[in-house]
Amino acid sequence: MQPFALNYARPAVGREATTPYVYDSGLQLNVTMDGRIAASDHALLRELGTTTSTAGSKTHFDD
């Protein structure tokens, strides 16, 4: 007998995503490519919803 979930489970489709910000270790914040703090860029936050930090925990947010 095959488990029910195996009838519907599909491999995750990989998406190529580029982030319009990078982590600045000196400031310990995400910054946009022109050097502004990403968390204070309202247009960026409206588009992405958040700026997840790549430093340390994946649950940390720069807000």
PDB file of N, CA and C in Angstrom:
ATOM      1  N   MET A   1       0.845  -1.182   0.000  1.00  0.00           N
ATOM      2  CA  MET A   1       0.000   0.000   0.000  1.00  0.00           C
ATOM      3  C   MET A   1       0.891   1.246   0.000  1.00  0.00           C
ATOM      4  N   GLN A   2       0.566   2.206  -0.859  1.00  0.00           N
ATOM      5  CA  GLN A   2       1.349   3.433  -0.980  1.00  0.00           C
ATOM      6  C   GLN A   2       0.703   4.526  -0.123  1.00  0.00           C
ATOM      7  N   PRO A   3       1.511   5.255   0.675  1.00  0.00           N
ATOM      8  CA  PRO A   3       0.940   6.348   1.474  1.00  0.00           C
ATOM      9  C   PRO A   3       0.245   7.383   0.589  1.00  0.00           C
ATOM     10  N   PHE A   4      -0.832   7.944   1.093  1.00  0.00           N
ATOM     11  CA  PHE A   4      -1.658   8.912   0.362  1.00  0.00           C
ATOM     12  C   PHE A   4      -0.842  10.090  -0.160  1.00  0.00           C
ATOM     13  N   ALA A   5       0.063  10.628   0.653  1.00  0.00           N
ATOM     14  CA  ALA A   5       0.827  11.825   0.271  1.00  0.00           C
ATOM     15  C   ALA A   5       1.697  11.580  -0.960  1.00  0.00           C
ATOM     16  N   LEU A   6       2.155  10.362  -1.173  1.00  0.00           N
ATOM     17  CA  LEU A   6       3.012  10.086  -2.318  1.00  0.00           C
ATOM     18  C   LEU A   6       2.272  10.224  -3.647  1.00  0.00           C
ATOM     19  N   ASN A   7       0.961  10.179  -3.619  1.00  0.00           N
ATOM     20  CA  ASN A   7       0.184  10.380  -4.842  1.00  0.00           C
ATOM     21  C   ASN A   7       0.211  11.839  -5.284  1.00  0.00           C
ATOM     22  N   TYR A   8       0.445  12.744  -4.360  1.00  0.00           N
ATOM     23  CA  TYR A   8       0.353  14.171  -4.647  1.00  0.00           C
ATOM     24  C   TYR A   8       1.663  14.940  -4.452  1.00  0.00           C
ATOM     25  N   ALA A   9       2.637  14.334  -3.815  1.00  0.00           N
ATOM     26  CA  ALA A   9       3.901  15.026  -3.547  1.00  0.00           C
ATOM     27  C   ALA A   9       4.664  15.227  -4.847  1.00  0.00           C
ATOM     28  N   ARG A  10       5.197  16.407  -5.005  1.00  0.00           N
ATOM     29  CA  ARG A  10       6.004  16.734  -6.177  1.00  0.00           C
ATOM     30  C   ARG A  10       7.311  17.357  -5.708  1.00  0.00           C
ATOM     31  N   PRO A  11       8.381  17.151  -6.453  1.00  0.00           N
ATOM     32  CA  PRO A  11       9.645  17.795  -6.071  1.00  0.00           C
ATOM     33  C   PRO A  11       9.501  19.315  -6.136  1.00  0.00           C
ATOM     34  N   ALA A  12      10.171  19.983  -5.248  1.00  0.00           N
ATOM     35  CA  ALA A  12      10.144  21.443  -5.242  1.00  0.00           C
ATOM     36  C   ALA A  12      10.818  21.967  -6.505  1.00  0.00           C
ATOM     37  N   VAL A  13      10.179  22.928  -7.116  1.00  0.00           N
ATOM     38  CA  VAL A  13      10.737  23.534  -8.321  1.00  0.00           C
ATOM     39  C   VAL A  13      11.698  24.626  -7.896  1.00  0.00           C
ATOM     40  N   GLY A  14      12.919  24.535  -8.340  1.00  0.00           N
ATOM     41  CA  GLY A  14      13.914  25.551  -7.997  1.00  0.00           C
ATOM     42  C   GLY A  14      13.643  26.844  -8.748  1.00  0.00           C
ATOM     43  N   ARG A  15      13.685  27.948  -8.045  1.00  0.00           N
ATOM     44  CA  ARG A  15      13.497  29.246  -8.672  1.00  0.00           C
ATOM     45  C   ARG A  15      14.779  30.038  -8.543  1.00  0.00           C
ATOM     46  N   GLU A  16      15.125  30.702  -9.610  1.00  0.00           N
ATOM     47  CA  GLU A  16      16.278  31.583  -9.540  1.00  0.00           C
ATOM     48  C   GLU A  16      15.806  32.934  -9.050  1.00  0.00           C
ATOM     49  N   ALA A  17      16.347  33.351  -7.950  1.00  0.00           N
ATOM     50  CA  ALA A  17      15.959  34.638  -7.383  1.00  0.00           C
ATOM     51  C   ALA A  17      17.220  35.432  -7.067  1.00  0.00           C
ATOM     52  N   THR A  18      17.166  36.685  -7.363  1.00  0.00           N
ATOM     53  CA  THR A  18      18.266  37.565  -7.000  1.00  0.00           C
ATOM     54  C   THR A  18      17.732  38.560  -5.991  1.00  0.00           C
ATOM     55  N   THR A  19      18.508  38.807  -4.989  1.00  0.00           N
ATOM     56  CA  THR A  19      18.094  39.788  -3.990  1.00  0.00           C
ATOM     57  C   THR A  19      18.719  41.130  -4.316  1.00  0.00           C
ATOM     58  N   PRO A  20      17.923  42.185  -4.209  1.00  0.00           N
ATOM     59  CA  PRO A  20      18.438  43.512  -4.528  1.00  0.00           C
ATOM     60  C   PRO A  20      19.199  44.145  -3.359  1.00  0.00           C
ATOM     61  N   TYR A  21      19.681  43.315  -2.438  1.00  0.00           N
ATOM     62  CA  TYR A  21      20.448  43.811  -1.300  1.00  0.00           C
ATOM     63  C   TYR A  21      21.510  42.795  -0.932  1.00  0.00           C
ATOM     64  N   VAL A  22      22.511  43.233  -0.172  1.00  0.00           N
ATOM     65  CA  VAL A  22      23.587  42.362   0.303  1.00  0.00           C
ATOM     66  C   VAL A  22      23.812  42.641   1.783  1.00  0.00           C
ATOM     67  N   TYR A  23      24.423  41.683   2.462  1.00  0.00           N
ATOM     68  CA  TYR A  23      24.715  41.852   3.884  1.00  0.00           C
ATOM     69  C   TYR A  23      26.011  42.625   4.046  1.00  0.00           C
ATOM     70  N   ASP A  24      25.982  43.669   4.869  1.00  0.00           N
ATOM     71  CA  ASP A  24      27.171  44.468   5.189  1.00  0.00           C
ATOM     72  C   ASP A  24      27.613  44.080   6.590  1.00  0.00           C
ATOM     73  N   SER A  25      28.742  43.380   6.707  1.00  0.00           N
ATOM     74  CA  SER A  25      29.195  42.898   8.013  1.00  0.00           C
ATOM     75  C   SER A  25      29.628  44.036   8.929  1.00  0.00           C
ATOM     76  N   GLY A  26      30.050  45.160   8.374  1.00  0.00           N
ATOM     77  CA  GLY A  26      30.426  46.306   9.206  1.00  0.00           C
ATOM     78  C   GLY A  26      29.226  46.924   9.891  1.00  0.00           C
ATOM     79  N   LEU A  27      28.141  47.094   9.147  1.00  0.00           N
ATOM     80  CA  LEU A  27      26.906  47.640   9.714  1.00  0.00           C
ATOM     81  C   LEU A  27      26.052  46.570  10.381  1.00  0.00           C
ATOM     82  N   GLN A  28      26.301  45.315  10.027  1.00  0.00           N
ATOM     83  CA  GLN A  28      25.501  44.175  10.449  1.00  0.00           C
ATOM     84  C   GLN A  28      24.047  44.361  10.033  1.00  0.00           C
ATOM     85  N   LEU A  29      23.866  44.848   8.800  1.00  0.00           N
ATOM     86  CA  LEU A  29      22.549  45.072   8.215  1.00  0.00           C
ATOM     87  C   LEU A  29      22.599  44.714   6.737  1.00  0.00           C
ATOM     88  N   ASN A  30      21.429  44.493   6.164  1.00  0.00           N
ATOM     89  CA  ASN A  30      21.337  44.348   4.720  1.00  0.00           C
ATOM     90  C   ASN A  30      21.283  45.741   4.114  1.00  0.00           C
ATOM     91  N   VAL A  31      22.058  45.952   3.066  1.00  0.00           N
ATOM     92  CA  VAL A  31      22.082  47.245   2.384  1.00  0.00           C
ATOM     93  C   VAL A  31      21.801  47.031   0.903  1.00  0.00           C
ATOM     94  N   THR A  32      21.191  48.044   0.266  1.00  0.00           N
ATOM     95  CA  THR A  32      20.927  47.987  -1.155  1.00  0.00           C
ATOM     96  C   THR A  32      22.242  48.180  -1.905  1.00  0.00           C
ATOM     97  N   MET A  33      22.198  47.989  -3.197  1.00  0.00           N
ATOM     98  CA  MET A  33      23.423  48.080  -3.993  1.00  0.00           C
ATOM     99  C   MET A  33      24.026  49.485  -3.986  1.00  0.00           C
ATOM    100  N   ASP A  34      23.192  50.498  -3.696  1.00  0.00           N
ATOM    101  CA  ASP A  34      23.729  51.861  -3.638  1.00  0.00           C
ATOM    102  C   ASP A  34      24.100  52.287  -2.217  1.00  0.00           C
ATOM    103  N   GLY A  35      24.075  51.346  -1.245  1.00  0.00           N
ATOM    104  CA  GLY A  35      24.564  51.612   0.094  1.00  0.00           C
ATOM    105  C   GLY A  35      23.522  52.009   1.120  1.00  0.00           C
ATOM    106  N   ARG A  36      22.247  52.127   0.714  1.00  0.00           N
ATOM    107  CA  ARG A  36      21.200  52.479   1.680  1.00  0.00           C
ATOM    108  C   ARG A  36      20.793  51.247   2.488  1.00  0.00           C
ATOM    109  N   ILE A  37      20.314  51.447   3.711  1.00  0.00           N
ATOM    110  CA  ILE A  37      19.860  50.338   4.550  1.00  0.00           C
ATOM    111  C   ILE A  37      18.585  49.754   3.937  1.00  0.00           C
ATOM    112  N   ALA A  38      18.592  48.464   3.672  1.00  0.00           N
ATOM    113  CA  ALA A  38      17.482  47.816   2.974  1.00  0.00           C
ATOM    114  C   ALA A  38      16.182  47.880   3.770  1.00  0.00           C
ATOM    115  N   ALA A  39      16.255  47.792   5.086  1.00  0.00           N
ATOM    116  CA  ALA A  39      15.049  47.795   5.907  1.00  0.00           C
ATOM    117  C   ALA A  39      14.339  49.141   5.899  1.00  0.00           C
ATOM    118  N   SER A  40      15.027  50.208   5.476  1.00  0.00           N
ATOM    119  CA  SER A  40      14.370  51.517   5.428  1.00  0.00           C
ATOM    120  C   SER A  40      13.920  51.876   4.015  1.00  0.00           C
ATOM    121  N   ASP A  41      14.081  50.961   3.066  1.00  0.00           N
ATOM    122  CA  ASP A  41      13.647  51.175   1.690  1.00  0.00           C
ATOM    123  C   ASP A  41      12.207  50.662   1.552  1.00  0.00           C
ATOM    124  N   HIS A  42      11.244  51.570   1.613  1.00  0.00           N
ATOM    125  CA  HIS A  42       9.831  51.190   1.637  1.00  0.00           C
ATOM    126  C   HIS A  42       9.400  50.482   0.361  1.00  0.00           C
ATOM    127  N   ALA A  43       9.895  50.911  -0.780  1.00  0.00           N
ATOM    128  CA  ALA A  43       9.542  50.250  -2.038  1.00  0.00           C
ATOM    129  C   ALA A  43      10.050  48.805  -2.054  1.00  0.00           C
ATOM    130  N   LEU A  44      11.250  48.591  -1.555  1.00  0.00           N
ATOM    131  CA  LEU A  44      11.823  47.245  -1.482  1.00  0.00           C
ATOM    132  C   LEU A  44      11.009  46.363  -0.544  1.00  0.00           C
ATOM    133  N   LEU A  45      10.621  46.899   0.599  1.00  0.00           N
ATOM    134  CA  LEU A  45       9.835  46.119   1.554  1.00  0.00           C
ATOM    135  C   LEU A  45       8.452  45.797   1.007  1.00  0.00           C
ATOM    136  N   ARG A  46       7.843  46.733   0.256  1.00  0.00           N
ATOM    137  CA  ARG A  46       6.543  46.445  -0.364  1.00  0.00           C
ATOM    138  C   ARG A  46       6.678  45.320  -1.382  1.00  0.00           C
ATOM    139  N   GLU A  47       7.777  45.303  -2.109  1.00  0.00           N
ATOM    140  CA  GLU A  47       7.985  44.284  -3.139  1.00  0.00           C
ATOM    141  C   GLU A  47       8.301  42.919  -2.536  1.00  0.00           C
ATOM    142  N   LEU A  48       9.183  42.877  -1.550  1.00  0.00           N
ATOM    143  CA  LEU A  48       9.650  41.605  -1.001  1.00  0.00           C
ATOM    144  C   LEU A  48       8.946  41.185   0.277  1.00  0.00           C
ATOM    145  N   GLY A  49       8.408  42.129   1.023  1.00  0.00           N
ATOM    146  CA  GLY A  49       7.752  41.813   2.278  1.00  0.00           C
ATOM    147  C   GLY A  49       8.681  41.860   3.472  1.00  0.00           C
ATOM    148  N   THR A  50       9.962  41.547   3.274  1.00  0.00           N
ATOM    149  CA  THR A  50      10.940  41.545   4.353  1.00  0.00           C
ATOM    150  C   THR A  50      12.340  41.490   3.760  1.00  0.00           C
ATOM    151  N   THR A  51      13.322  41.748   4.563  1.00  0.00           N
ATOM    152  CA  THR A  51      14.708  41.580   4.139  1.00  0.00           C
ATOM    153  C   THR A  51      15.356  40.592   5.094  1.00  0.00           C
ATOM    154  N   THR A  52      15.251  39.326   4.787  1.00  0.00           N
ATOM    155  CA  THR A  52      15.802  38.286   5.641  1.00  0.00           C
ATOM    156  C   THR A  52      17.315  38.359   5.642  1.00  0.00           C
ATOM    157  N   SER A  53      17.884  38.374   6.812  1.00  0.00           N
ATOM    158  CA  SER A  53      19.324  38.448   6.932  1.00  0.00           C
ATOM    159  C   SER A  53      19.946  37.092   6.657  1.00  0.00           C
ATOM    160  N   THR A  54      21.107  37.083   6.046  1.00  0.00           N
ATOM    161  CA  THR A  54      21.817  35.817   5.823  1.00  0.00           C
ATOM    162  C   THR A  54      22.874  35.586   6.891  1.00  0.00           C
ATOM    163  N   ALA A  55      22.958  36.467   7.848  1.00  0.00           N
ATOM    164  CA  ALA A  55      23.942  36.307   8.916  1.00  0.00           C
ATOM    165  C   ALA A  55      23.303  35.542  10.065  1.00  0.00           C
ATOM    166  N   GLY A  56      23.907  34.472  10.460  1.00  0.00           N
ATOM    167  CA  GLY A  56      23.400  33.724  11.608  1.00  0.00           C
ATOM    168  C   GLY A  56      22.093  33.014  11.281  1.00  0.00           C
ATOM    169  N   SER A  57      21.111  33.228  12.109  1.00  0.00           N
ATOM    170  CA  SER A  57      19.839  32.532  12.004  1.00  0.00           C
ATOM    171  C   SER A  57      19.048  32.990  10.794  1.00  0.00           C
ATOM    172  N   LYS A  58      18.402  32.071  10.135  1.00  0.00           N
ATOM    173  CA  LYS A  58      17.549  32.396   8.976  1.00  0.00           C
ATOM    174  C   LYS A  58      16.225  33.002   9.430  1.00  0.00           C
ATOM    175  N   THR A  59      15.961  33.030  10.725  1.00  0.00           N
ATOM    176  CA  THR A  59      14.704  33.613  11.202  1.00  0.00           C
ATOM    177  C   THR A  59      14.878  35.061  11.650  1.00  0.00           C
ATOM    178  N   HIS A  60      16.075  35.603  11.518  1.00  0.00           N
ATOM    179  CA  HIS A  60      16.322  36.979  11.930  1.00  0.00           C
ATOM    180  C   HIS A  60      15.913  37.927  10.814  1.00  0.00           C
ATOM    181  N   PHE A  61      15.224  39.016  11.168  1.00  0.00           N
ATOM    182  CA  PHE A  61      14.790  39.993  10.177  1.00  0.00           C
ATOM    183  C   PHE A  61      15.361  41.366  10.529  1.00  0.00           C
ATOM    184  N   ASP A  62      15.730  42.119   9.522  1.00  0.00           N
ATOM    185  CA  ASP A  62      16.231  43.484   9.716  1.00  0.00           C
ATOM    186  C   ASP A  62      15.051  44.448   9.608  1.00  0.00           C
ATOM    187  N   ASP A  63      14.307  44.597  10.669  1.00  0.00           N
ATOM    188  CA  ASP A  63      13.175  45.529  10.594  1.00  0.00           C
ATOM    189  C   ASP A  63      13.194  46.525  11.713  1.00  0.00           C
TER     190      ASP A  63
END
